Protein backbone atom coordinates (compact mmCIF):
# COMPACT_ATOMS: atom_id res chain seq x y z
CA MET A 1 -34.91 -8.59 27.01
CA ASN A 2 -31.98 -9.76 29.18
CA LYS A 3 -28.53 -8.19 29.22
CA GLN A 4 -26.89 -11.08 27.34
CA ALA A 5 -29.35 -10.71 24.49
CA SER A 6 -28.95 -6.94 24.35
CA TYR A 7 -25.19 -7.27 24.00
CA THR A 8 -25.27 -9.92 21.28
CA LEU A 9 -27.81 -8.20 19.03
CA ARG A 10 -24.94 -7.10 16.79
CA SER A 11 -24.58 -10.67 15.55
CA HIS A 12 -28.01 -10.56 13.91
CA ASN A 13 -28.01 -9.80 10.18
CA PRO A 14 -27.38 -7.33 8.81
CA ASP A 15 -24.42 -6.10 10.81
CA VAL A 16 -24.59 -2.31 10.53
CA LEU A 17 -20.80 -2.08 10.09
CA THR A 18 -21.08 -4.01 6.84
CA CYS A 19 -23.58 -1.50 5.49
CA ILE A 20 -22.03 1.93 6.09
CA ALA A 21 -20.22 3.72 3.28
CA ASN A 22 -16.53 4.50 3.51
CA LEU A 23 -15.51 8.05 4.32
CA SER A 24 -13.17 8.01 1.30
CA ASN A 25 -10.54 5.79 -0.31
CA ASP A 26 -8.12 7.24 2.23
CA GLU A 27 -10.26 6.66 5.35
CA VAL A 28 -11.61 3.18 4.82
CA PHE A 29 -13.83 1.30 7.25
CA THR A 30 -12.53 -2.20 7.96
CA PRO A 31 -15.09 -4.93 7.15
CA PRO A 32 -15.93 -6.97 10.28
CA GLU A 33 -14.88 -10.20 8.56
CA PHE A 34 -11.47 -8.73 7.76
CA ALA A 35 -11.02 -7.47 11.32
CA SER A 36 -11.89 -10.97 12.54
CA ARG A 37 -9.15 -12.50 10.37
CA MET A 38 -6.59 -10.10 11.82
CA LEU A 39 -7.68 -11.02 15.34
CA ASP A 40 -7.40 -14.71 14.50
CA THR A 41 -3.78 -14.14 13.43
CA LEU A 42 -3.13 -12.32 16.70
CA ALA A 43 -4.73 -15.10 18.76
CA GLU A 44 -2.67 -17.77 17.00
CA ALA A 45 0.56 -15.89 17.74
CA TRP A 46 -0.42 -15.40 21.38
CA ALA A 47 -1.26 -19.09 21.80
CA GLY A 48 2.00 -20.08 20.13
CA GLU A 49 4.02 -18.09 22.64
CA HIS A 50 1.88 -18.79 25.73
CA ARG A 51 1.63 -22.60 25.64
CA GLY A 52 -1.70 -22.59 23.86
CA ALA A 53 -3.30 -19.95 26.10
CA ASN A 54 -6.35 -18.03 24.88
CA ILE A 55 -5.68 -14.28 24.68
CA TRP A 56 -9.42 -13.68 25.05
CA ALA A 57 -9.39 -15.36 28.44
CA ASP A 58 -6.81 -12.96 29.90
CA LYS A 59 -8.42 -10.08 31.79
CA SER A 60 -5.14 -8.16 32.05
CA VAL A 61 -4.45 -7.73 28.32
CA ARG A 62 -4.89 -4.14 27.18
CA PHE A 63 -5.78 -3.14 23.58
CA LEU A 64 -5.49 0.20 21.75
CA ASP A 65 -6.84 1.27 18.36
CA PRO A 66 -5.05 4.60 17.73
CA CYS A 67 -7.03 5.43 14.59
CA THR A 68 -10.49 4.08 15.27
CA LYS A 69 -13.23 4.88 12.79
CA SER A 70 -16.18 2.49 12.97
CA GLY A 71 -14.94 0.90 16.18
CA VAL A 72 -14.93 -2.53 14.54
CA PHE A 73 -11.67 -3.70 16.09
CA LEU A 74 -12.68 -2.66 19.59
CA ARG A 75 -16.12 -4.18 19.12
CA GLU A 76 -14.78 -7.51 17.89
CA ILE A 77 -12.17 -7.60 20.65
CA THR A 78 -14.86 -6.87 23.24
CA SER A 79 -17.10 -9.60 21.85
CA ARG A 80 -14.31 -12.17 22.09
CA LEU A 81 -13.36 -11.08 25.60
CA VAL A 82 -16.97 -11.34 26.74
CA LYS A 83 -16.94 -15.01 25.77
CA GLY A 84 -13.38 -15.73 26.89
CA LEU A 85 -13.75 -14.24 30.37
CA ALA A 86 -17.09 -15.88 31.20
CA ASP A 87 -15.55 -18.29 33.69
CA GLN A 88 -13.40 -15.68 35.42
CA ILE A 89 -16.10 -13.00 35.67
CA PRO A 90 -19.42 -14.88 35.59
CA ASN A 91 -21.66 -11.81 35.96
CA LEU A 92 -22.21 -10.42 32.46
CA GLU A 93 -22.60 -6.80 33.49
CA ASP A 94 -19.45 -6.90 35.62
CA ARG A 95 -17.56 -8.64 32.82
CA VAL A 96 -18.58 -6.13 30.15
CA ASN A 97 -17.82 -3.22 32.47
CA HIS A 98 -14.36 -4.60 33.24
CA ILE A 99 -13.55 -5.10 29.55
CA LEU A 100 -14.73 -1.67 28.46
CA THR A 101 -13.12 0.28 31.29
CA LYS A 102 -9.88 -1.68 31.76
CA GLN A 103 -9.03 -3.43 28.50
CA VAL A 104 -10.15 -1.63 25.31
CA PHE A 105 -9.12 1.89 24.34
CA GLY A 106 -9.42 3.95 21.19
CA ILE A 107 -8.33 7.27 19.70
CA SER A 108 -10.76 8.44 17.03
CA ILE A 109 -9.71 10.25 13.88
CA THR A 110 -12.72 12.63 13.68
CA TYR A 111 -15.64 13.75 15.82
CA LEU A 112 -18.05 11.74 13.67
CA THR A 113 -16.03 8.53 13.98
CA SER A 114 -15.76 9.00 17.74
CA LEU A 115 -19.56 8.90 17.97
CA LEU A 116 -19.73 5.94 15.60
CA ALA A 117 -17.06 4.02 17.48
CA ARG A 118 -18.73 4.60 20.85
CA ARG A 119 -22.04 3.50 19.39
CA SER A 120 -20.40 0.30 18.11
CA VAL A 121 -18.59 -0.50 21.37
CA TYR A 122 -20.77 0.99 24.13
CA CYS A 123 -24.10 0.73 22.25
CA SER A 124 -24.41 4.47 22.87
CA LYS A 125 -22.65 7.47 21.35
CA HIS A 126 -22.19 8.67 24.95
CA ALA A 127 -20.36 6.33 27.29
CA GLN A 128 -22.50 7.60 30.17
CA GLY A 129 -25.76 7.44 28.20
CA GLU A 130 -28.72 5.50 29.52
CA HIS A 131 -28.28 2.84 26.83
CA SER A 132 -24.53 2.43 27.37
CA ILE A 133 -23.50 -1.08 28.38
CA ALA A 134 -20.58 0.36 30.38
CA LYS A 135 -21.65 1.52 33.84
CA SER A 136 -18.69 3.23 35.51
CA PHE A 137 -17.22 5.78 33.13
CA ALA A 138 -16.64 9.29 34.46
CA SER A 139 -17.11 10.97 31.07
CA ASP A 140 -19.20 10.65 27.93
CA ALA A 141 -16.03 9.82 25.94
CA GLY A 142 -15.30 6.71 27.97
CA ASN A 143 -12.09 5.14 26.69
CA ILE A 144 -12.64 6.32 23.09
CA TRP A 145 -10.98 9.72 22.92
CA PHE A 146 -11.45 12.55 20.50
CA GLU A 147 -10.70 16.26 20.65
CA ARG A 148 -10.04 18.62 17.80
CA THR A 149 -6.31 18.79 17.05
CA SER A 150 -4.50 21.43 15.00
CA HIS A 151 -1.73 21.06 12.49
CA THR A 152 1.65 22.69 13.07
CA TRP A 153 2.37 24.75 9.99
CA LEU A 154 5.78 25.51 8.51
CA ASP A 155 6.16 26.73 4.92
CA ASP A 156 2.51 25.87 4.19
CA LYS A 157 2.85 22.23 5.31
CA CYS A 158 2.30 20.46 8.60
CA THR A 159 5.59 19.50 10.20
CA TYR A 160 4.10 16.23 11.48
CA CYS A 161 2.05 14.83 8.60
CA GLY A 162 2.92 17.00 5.58
CA ALA A 163 -0.68 18.13 5.04
CA SER A 164 -1.28 21.16 2.83
CA ARG A 165 -2.10 24.34 4.76
CA LYS A 166 -4.13 25.59 1.82
CA THR A 167 -6.36 22.49 2.04
CA PHE A 168 -6.61 21.86 5.77
CA ASP A 169 -6.24 25.24 7.50
CA ARG A 170 -9.96 25.94 7.19
CA GLY A 171 -11.41 27.39 10.36
CA GLU A 172 -13.14 25.97 13.40
CA VAL A 173 -16.09 24.24 11.72
CA LEU A 174 -14.62 21.62 9.40
CA GLU A 175 -12.45 18.68 10.46
CA THR A 176 -8.73 19.41 10.44
CA HIS A 177 -7.68 15.79 9.84
CA ALA A 178 -4.78 16.50 12.20
CA TYR A 179 -4.74 13.06 13.74
CA ALA A 180 -3.72 13.27 17.39
CA PHE A 181 -1.70 10.06 17.47
CA ILE A 182 0.85 11.27 14.91
CA HIS A 183 0.98 14.97 15.85
CA THR A 184 3.52 14.67 18.61
CA ASP A 185 7.23 14.18 19.21
CA GLU A 186 6.67 12.33 22.49
CA ILE A 187 4.19 9.57 21.78
CA LYS A 188 4.20 7.96 25.24
CA ALA A 189 3.52 11.25 26.98
CA ARG A 190 0.88 12.13 24.39
CA VAL A 191 -1.03 8.88 24.83
CA ALA A 192 -0.90 9.26 28.62
CA GLU A 193 -2.33 12.76 28.21
CA LEU A 194 -5.14 11.59 25.92
CA LEU A 195 -6.18 8.53 27.91
CA GLY A 196 -5.75 9.88 31.42
CA GLY A 197 -2.60 8.17 32.61
CA VAL A 198 0.52 6.21 31.76
CA MET A 199 -0.33 2.73 30.53
CA GLN A 200 1.38 -0.07 28.65
CA PHE A 201 -0.58 -1.63 25.80
CA ASP A 202 -0.19 -5.29 25.00
CA VAL A 203 -1.81 -4.99 21.57
CA ILE A 204 -2.06 -1.99 19.23
CA ILE A 205 -4.32 -2.62 16.26
CA GLY A 206 -5.77 -0.46 13.52
CA ASN A 207 -6.48 0.60 9.97
CA PRO A 208 -4.98 4.11 9.73
CA PRO A 209 -5.90 6.86 7.27
CA TYR A 210 -3.84 6.35 4.13
CA GLN A 211 -2.86 9.77 2.77
CA LEU A 212 -3.46 13.52 2.87
CA ASN A 213 -3.27 16.23 0.22
CA ASP A 214 0.23 17.68 0.44
CA GLY A 215 -0.25 20.74 -1.77
CA GLY A 216 1.63 19.35 -4.76
CA TYR A 217 0.54 19.46 -8.39
CA GLY A 218 -3.06 18.42 -9.04
CA THR A 219 -4.28 15.85 -6.55
CA SER A 220 -0.84 15.18 -5.09
CA ALA A 221 -1.01 13.42 -1.74
CA ALA A 222 1.50 12.08 0.75
CA PRO A 223 1.07 8.74 2.53
CA ILE A 224 0.56 8.95 6.30
CA TYR A 225 -0.30 5.38 7.32
CA GLN A 226 3.38 4.68 8.00
CA LEU A 227 3.38 7.45 10.62
CA PHE A 228 0.74 5.60 12.64
CA VAL A 229 2.73 2.38 12.44
CA GLU A 230 5.95 4.07 13.52
CA LYS A 231 4.29 5.79 16.50
CA ALA A 232 2.63 2.52 17.51
CA LEU A 233 5.95 0.66 17.48
CA ASP A 234 7.52 3.48 19.50
CA LEU A 235 5.02 2.62 22.26
CA ASP A 236 6.70 -0.80 22.50
CA PRO A 237 3.57 -2.96 22.62
CA ARG A 238 3.69 -6.73 22.96
CA TYR A 239 2.05 -6.97 19.52
CA ALA A 240 1.14 -4.51 16.78
CA ILE A 241 -1.19 -5.48 13.95
CA PHE A 242 -2.13 -3.04 11.19
CA VAL A 243 -3.81 -3.17 7.79
CA THR A 244 -2.43 -0.71 5.23
CA PRO A 245 -1.97 -0.33 1.48
CA SER A 246 0.77 -2.64 0.19
CA ARG A 247 2.51 0.06 -1.84
CA TRP A 248 5.21 0.37 0.82
CA MET A 249 6.55 -3.05 -0.13
CA ALA A 250 8.06 -1.90 -3.41
CA GLY A 251 7.50 1.84 -3.86
CA GLY A 252 5.36 4.72 -2.78
CA LYS A 253 6.01 8.42 -2.35
CA GLY A 254 8.09 9.15 0.74
CA LEU A 255 8.10 5.51 1.88
CA ASP A 256 11.76 4.57 1.29
CA LYS A 257 12.86 4.96 4.92
CA TYR A 258 9.73 3.21 6.19
CA ARG A 259 10.27 0.29 3.80
CA GLU A 260 13.90 0.01 4.91
CA ARG A 261 12.81 0.00 8.56
CA MET A 262 10.16 -2.64 8.04
CA LEU A 263 12.32 -4.96 5.93
CA SER A 264 15.13 -4.85 8.46
CA ASP A 265 12.85 -5.43 11.48
CA LYS A 266 13.18 -9.06 12.58
CA ARG A 267 10.10 -8.65 14.80
CA LEU A 268 7.71 -8.82 11.86
CA ARG A 269 6.13 -12.22 12.39
CA ASN A 270 3.34 -12.42 9.75
CA ILE A 271 2.35 -10.59 6.59
CA VAL A 272 -0.94 -11.49 4.91
CA ASP A 273 -1.17 -9.89 1.49
CA TYR A 274 -4.19 -9.20 -0.75
CA PRO A 275 -2.71 -8.04 -4.09
CA LYS A 276 -5.94 -8.32 -6.07
CA LEU A 277 -7.79 -5.02 -6.40
CA TYR A 278 -11.00 -4.81 -4.35
CA GLU A 279 -10.46 -8.16 -2.65
CA GLY A 280 -9.47 -7.09 0.85
CA PHE A 281 -11.87 -4.14 0.93
CA PRO A 282 -14.68 -4.74 -1.60
CA GLY A 283 -15.55 -1.66 -3.62
CA VAL A 284 -12.51 0.34 -2.50
CA LYS A 285 -9.94 1.02 -5.22
CA ILE A 286 -6.50 0.83 -3.62
CA ARG A 287 -3.92 0.29 -6.33
CA GLY A 288 -1.40 -2.33 -5.35
CA GLY A 289 -3.82 -3.97 -2.96
CA ILE A 290 -3.72 -4.12 0.82
CA SER A 291 -2.08 -6.27 3.47
CA TYR A 292 -1.88 -6.66 7.19
CA PHE A 293 1.12 -7.49 9.32
CA LEU A 294 1.69 -8.76 12.83
CA TRP A 295 4.68 -7.31 14.68
CA ASP A 296 5.79 -9.31 17.70
CA ARG A 297 8.15 -7.65 20.17
CA ASP A 298 9.68 -10.97 21.23
CA HIS A 299 10.00 -12.49 17.76
CA HIS A 300 13.42 -12.45 16.10
CA GLY A 301 13.63 -14.30 12.85
CA PRO A 302 12.01 -14.78 9.43
CA CYS A 303 8.50 -13.56 8.63
CA GLN A 304 5.68 -15.80 7.42
CA ILE A 305 4.39 -14.46 4.08
CA GLN A 306 0.93 -15.49 2.91
CA THR A 307 -0.85 -14.36 -0.28
CA ILE A 308 -4.66 -14.40 -0.44
CA TRP A 309 -6.25 -14.67 -3.90
CA ASP A 310 -9.99 -14.98 -4.50
CA GLY A 311 -10.52 -15.53 -0.81
CA GLN A 312 -8.12 -18.46 -0.55
CA PRO A 313 -4.41 -18.85 0.22
CA ALA A 314 -2.47 -18.82 -3.07
CA GLY A 315 -0.09 -21.35 -1.55
CA PRO A 316 1.43 -22.20 1.80
CA ALA A 317 2.77 -19.45 4.03
CA ILE A 318 6.55 -19.39 3.72
CA ALA A 319 9.03 -17.98 6.23
CA ARG A 320 11.38 -15.51 4.58
CA HIS A 321 13.98 -12.95 5.62
CA LEU A 322 12.50 -9.66 4.49
CA ASN A 323 15.82 -7.89 3.89
CA ALA A 324 16.95 -10.25 1.11
CA TYR A 325 16.21 -7.45 -1.39
CA ASP A 326 15.64 -3.71 -1.23
CA ILE A 327 11.91 -4.34 -1.75
CA LEU A 328 9.57 -7.03 -0.48
CA VAL A 329 8.97 -9.71 -3.11
CA ARG A 330 5.28 -10.29 -2.48
CA ARG A 331 4.67 -13.68 -4.06
CA ASN A 332 6.53 -16.61 -2.54
CA GLU A 333 6.51 -18.35 -5.93
CA ALA A 334 8.53 -15.48 -7.43
CA VAL A 335 11.48 -15.79 -5.07
CA PRO A 336 13.21 -18.88 -6.57
CA ILE A 337 12.76 -17.45 -10.08
CA LEU A 338 14.32 -14.15 -9.05
CA GLU A 339 17.18 -15.95 -7.32
CA LYS A 340 17.99 -17.86 -10.52
CA VAL A 341 18.12 -14.60 -12.47
CA ARG A 342 20.25 -12.73 -9.95
CA SER A 343 22.66 -15.61 -9.46
CA ARG A 344 24.23 -14.78 -12.84
CA GLY A 345 25.32 -11.34 -11.60
CA GLU A 346 24.26 -9.55 -14.78
CA GLN A 347 23.89 -5.80 -15.08
CA THR A 348 20.26 -4.70 -14.91
CA LEU A 349 18.16 -2.69 -17.31
CA ASP A 350 17.53 0.23 -14.95
CA SER A 351 21.07 1.42 -15.80
CA ARG A 352 19.97 1.79 -19.44
CA VAL A 353 16.45 3.17 -18.97
CA SER A 354 16.22 6.95 -18.70
CA SER A 355 14.93 8.91 -15.76
CA ARG A 356 11.74 10.97 -16.03
CA LYS A 357 11.78 13.84 -18.56
CA PRO A 358 14.37 12.16 -20.82
CA PHE A 359 14.51 15.23 -23.07
CA GLY A 360 13.65 17.76 -20.37
CA LEU A 361 10.07 18.29 -21.56
CA PRO A 362 7.08 17.92 -19.17
CA THR A 363 3.96 15.92 -19.97
CA ASN A 364 1.90 19.04 -20.73
CA PHE A 365 4.40 20.32 -23.30
CA HIS A 366 3.01 20.33 -26.86
CA GLY A 367 4.73 21.34 -30.08
CA LYS A 368 3.27 22.40 -33.41
CA PRO A 369 0.82 20.12 -35.27
CA ASP A 370 3.22 19.85 -38.22
CA SER A 371 6.82 20.64 -39.17
CA LYS A 372 6.03 23.58 -41.43
CA GLY A 373 8.19 26.62 -40.73
CA LEU A 374 10.64 24.77 -38.45
CA LYS A 375 14.31 25.03 -39.39
CA LYS A 376 15.41 21.82 -37.65
CA PRO A 377 12.20 19.94 -36.88
CA VAL A 378 12.09 17.13 -34.34
CA LYS A 379 9.15 14.75 -34.17
CA LEU A 380 7.88 14.74 -30.58
CA PHE A 381 6.03 11.82 -28.97
CA GLY A 382 3.77 13.29 -26.32
CA SER A 383 0.62 12.70 -24.39
CA GLN A 384 -1.98 11.28 -26.79
CA LYS A 385 -0.48 12.86 -29.92
CA ILE A 386 2.57 13.58 -32.02
CA SER A 387 3.74 17.14 -32.54
CA TRP A 388 6.81 18.94 -33.86
CA VAL A 389 9.39 21.17 -32.20
CA GLU A 390 12.61 22.95 -33.07
CA ARG A 391 15.73 20.98 -32.19
CA SER A 392 16.84 23.89 -30.01
CA GLU A 393 13.82 23.29 -27.73
CA ILE A 394 15.23 19.91 -26.64
CA ILE A 395 16.98 20.81 -23.39
CA ALA A 396 18.27 17.40 -22.26
CA ASN A 397 20.08 14.54 -24.02
CA PRO A 398 20.15 16.17 -27.48
CA ALA A 399 22.58 13.46 -28.65
CA TRP A 400 19.73 10.93 -28.39
CA ILE A 401 17.62 12.73 -31.00
CA ASP A 402 19.40 11.08 -33.93
CA LYS A 403 19.49 7.61 -32.36
CA TRP A 404 17.06 4.77 -32.74
CA LYS A 405 15.07 4.73 -29.51
CA VAL A 406 12.62 2.46 -27.73
CA LEU A 407 10.02 4.41 -25.75
CA MET A 408 7.91 3.10 -22.86
CA THR A 409 5.11 4.95 -21.12
CA ALA A 410 6.02 6.10 -17.62
CA VAL A 411 2.53 5.18 -16.40
CA GLN A 412 0.92 1.85 -17.15
CA GLY A 413 -2.10 0.51 -15.35
CA THR A 414 -5.61 -0.71 -15.81
CA SER A 415 -8.93 -0.34 -14.07
CA ALA A 416 -9.23 -4.14 -13.91
CA ALA A 417 -9.02 -6.00 -10.61
CA VAL A 418 -5.98 -7.95 -11.84
CA GLU A 419 -3.00 -6.40 -13.62
CA THR A 420 -1.55 -8.71 -16.28
CA LYS A 421 0.32 -6.43 -18.70
CA PHE A 422 2.57 -4.38 -16.36
CA LEU A 423 4.17 -2.47 -19.24
CA SER A 424 2.76 -0.72 -22.29
CA LYS A 425 3.75 -1.81 -25.76
CA PRO A 426 7.15 -0.42 -26.78
CA ILE A 427 7.36 2.34 -29.36
CA ILE A 428 10.26 2.36 -31.78
CA ALA A 429 11.20 5.96 -32.52
CA GLY A 430 13.69 6.55 -35.32
CA PRO A 431 16.29 9.30 -35.74
CA GLY A 432 14.98 12.85 -35.54
CA THR A 433 12.61 12.14 -32.66
CA ALA A 434 12.20 12.95 -28.98
CA CYS A 435 9.50 12.59 -26.33
CA THR A 436 7.92 14.32 -23.38
CA GLU A 437 7.77 13.11 -19.79
CA THR A 438 4.91 10.79 -20.83
CA TYR A 439 7.62 8.33 -21.89
CA LEU A 440 10.91 6.92 -20.74
CA VAL A 441 13.67 5.99 -23.15
CA ALA A 442 14.25 2.29 -22.51
CA GLY A 443 17.28 2.29 -24.79
CA HIS A 444 18.94 4.23 -27.59
CA PHE A 445 20.84 2.53 -30.40
CA ASN A 446 22.76 3.18 -33.60
CA ASP A 447 20.60 0.95 -35.81
CA LYS A 448 17.01 -0.10 -36.21
CA GLU A 449 17.62 -3.85 -35.84
CA THR A 450 19.00 -3.48 -32.32
CA ALA A 451 16.08 -1.23 -31.34
CA VAL A 452 13.63 -3.83 -32.67
CA ASN A 453 15.33 -6.55 -30.61
CA CYS A 454 15.07 -4.37 -27.53
CA ALA A 455 11.37 -3.78 -28.16
CA LYS A 456 10.77 -7.51 -28.57
CA TYR A 457 12.63 -8.18 -25.31
CA LEU A 458 10.39 -5.66 -23.52
CA ARG A 459 7.32 -7.52 -24.79
CA THR A 460 8.34 -10.87 -23.34
CA ARG A 461 6.37 -12.30 -20.44
CA PHE A 462 9.60 -13.10 -18.64
CA LEU A 463 10.77 -9.48 -18.59
CA ARG A 464 7.36 -8.13 -17.62
CA PHE A 465 7.16 -10.70 -14.82
CA LEU A 466 10.41 -9.36 -13.37
CA VAL A 467 8.99 -5.84 -13.68
CA SER A 468 5.82 -6.91 -11.87
CA ILE A 469 7.83 -7.87 -8.79
CA ARG A 470 8.83 -4.24 -8.28
CA LYS A 471 5.80 -2.46 -9.75
CA ALA A 472 3.44 -1.62 -6.89
CA THR A 473 1.22 0.91 -8.69
CA GLN A 474 0.58 2.21 -12.20
CA HIS A 475 3.91 4.05 -12.25
CA ALA A 476 6.49 2.33 -14.48
CA THR A 477 9.55 4.41 -13.66
CA ARG A 478 13.15 3.36 -14.13
CA ASP A 479 13.39 1.49 -10.82
CA VAL A 480 10.81 -1.14 -11.89
CA TYR A 481 13.45 -2.49 -14.30
CA SER A 482 15.97 -3.13 -11.50
CA PHE A 483 15.53 -6.92 -11.57
CA VAL A 484 15.60 -7.16 -15.39
CA PRO A 485 18.91 -8.36 -16.92
CA ASP A 486 20.41 -5.96 -19.44
CA LEU A 487 21.09 -8.56 -22.11
CA PRO A 488 22.96 -7.94 -25.37
CA MET A 489 20.53 -6.75 -28.02
CA ASN A 490 22.42 -8.27 -30.94
CA GLN A 491 19.88 -11.10 -31.01
CA GLU A 492 16.14 -11.55 -30.62
CA TRP A 493 15.10 -12.71 -27.16
CA THR A 494 12.01 -14.86 -26.80
CA ASP A 495 10.39 -16.30 -23.71
CA ALA A 496 11.57 -19.78 -24.68
CA LYS A 497 15.19 -18.58 -24.86
CA LEU A 498 14.88 -16.72 -21.57
CA TYR A 499 13.28 -19.63 -19.72
CA LYS A 500 16.13 -21.87 -20.90
CA ARG A 501 18.84 -19.30 -20.11
CA TYR A 502 17.73 -19.02 -16.48
CA GLY A 503 16.78 -22.65 -15.96
CA LEU A 504 13.10 -22.21 -15.11
CA THR A 505 11.16 -25.36 -14.30
CA LYS A 506 7.80 -26.22 -15.85
CA ASN A 507 6.03 -25.08 -12.68
CA GLU A 508 7.95 -21.80 -12.65
CA ILE A 509 7.12 -21.16 -16.31
CA ALA A 510 3.47 -21.90 -15.59
CA PHE A 511 3.51 -19.42 -12.72
CA VAL A 512 5.08 -16.68 -14.85
CA GLU A 513 2.51 -17.20 -17.59
CA SER A 514 -0.36 -17.27 -15.08
CA GLN A 515 0.66 -13.81 -13.90
CA VAL A 516 1.54 -12.09 -17.18
CA ALA A 517 -0.59 -11.91 -20.30
CA GLU A 518 0.91 -12.41 -23.74
CA GLN A 519 1.61 -9.21 -25.63
CA ARG A 520 1.31 -9.56 -29.39
CA ASP A 521 4.05 -8.20 -31.61
CA ASP A 522 1.70 -6.01 -33.65
CA THR A 523 2.91 -2.49 -32.86
CA PRO A 524 4.10 -0.75 -36.05
CA ASP A 525 7.35 1.20 -35.99
CA GLU A 526 6.95 4.80 -34.85
CA ALA A 527 3.35 4.20 -33.70
CA VAL A 528 2.11 6.02 -30.64
CA SER A 529 -0.56 4.67 -28.27
CA ASP A 530 -3.44 6.82 -27.13
CA ASN A 531 -2.39 6.51 -23.48
CA GLY A 532 -0.59 4.27 -21.03
CA ASP A 533 -3.50 1.96 -20.32
CA ASP A 534 -3.91 -1.53 -21.70
CA GLU A 535 -7.32 -2.81 -20.65
């Protein structure tokens, strides 16, 4: 078997990197086909700025994956360079050796992934092994680094990544998940230390771990993928290209500053978005979908936004200024509709909707099964059931108790691949009622008729479409209503009236109705749903 054949065996089916299971939903292996699409986007940008030149034919370009797992990015880059440099370095062994020792570098996230990545790139888990296709490394690690790193604890959390000490301070045997790339204040010095010298990377590419347990209630976790992106940009590469969850675009715990940074960065050149569950990474449940972006150090202008749906572009890529709103409006088709709504300068519904715990009662609070024995009973809408409490137990907004109220669940999502409801059905709660944190109060009124009109407004496709623009996950907190006009509730609002009020075209109406399912007006007054899910 000749050397060329031995190197290209990976192209035979099945490709092992399409067969391995993910470590978890937080440490996801990138499918080779997806990695290839990202590299195509990179190559197009390079050609566009280098008079059509082929990035894979440049033997000086240096690549770094700072969070390598399967090694798929480094492997695909190496494969392309092997073909692209054939004329410049005709000898295959010399060409491969040059690429692996001078052009591709990785920092693994665990010991196991370091072995896997080296096996993918060097064809040997040891860079100096007899089967390694690289012939001049001085260590078994080669250019794919891994050493155990420790967290820096302060008040039971890591000062760098926010990991829970209780969860991750667990001795010398188990992985710490203290990822070296983000556990430093001086990223340039740290990378030089890890890789054996100061070097400038032209391209930084990766699929970082998504989150870590932060010691909060239940399974609380903090996102960390943004930390990898920020450190990568601090290295000032020519290009950075990362795939991450898309939650940062409109929400996400602890992501406000990151979102502000990204939306104000004129160097973002491309965003390719996969909003449909499971589409980007089949079998991996990442609520809100995933996306990848290309950051170009020399670009200064609008960003090309492209949505992928069922494997195909949902429409043409459109150049947009990302800082037009405080969140990224993901669908290009939604922008002109939103602009028509906002052009009227109306107050928005988030000013009316309550914050979490509208009556000061947590989700796990439960009253008595009936009102017997209570001096001033209040009917309490809670998680999965109705109970009764004394009026004195209501610790916030007691004046709302005797109002007509419209309640909305604070969490609304489905297990389906495509979300089409976005909000639960409204609950009309009459005087003498309150609710736990399970619900938000979408409005409180002096009479039933106004409350009914509000509930009907909340059921319209138009309103739920505006909510969908801001709703990145199952959480339906007050901020998701920030694009919804707070219209007078002295009349019944229907979709037909709303479409006419805001001048939507036939195509815009069709788009709204393709995204949002009809919600029948069949919820009886003072009915409570079993939970926040509409399948």
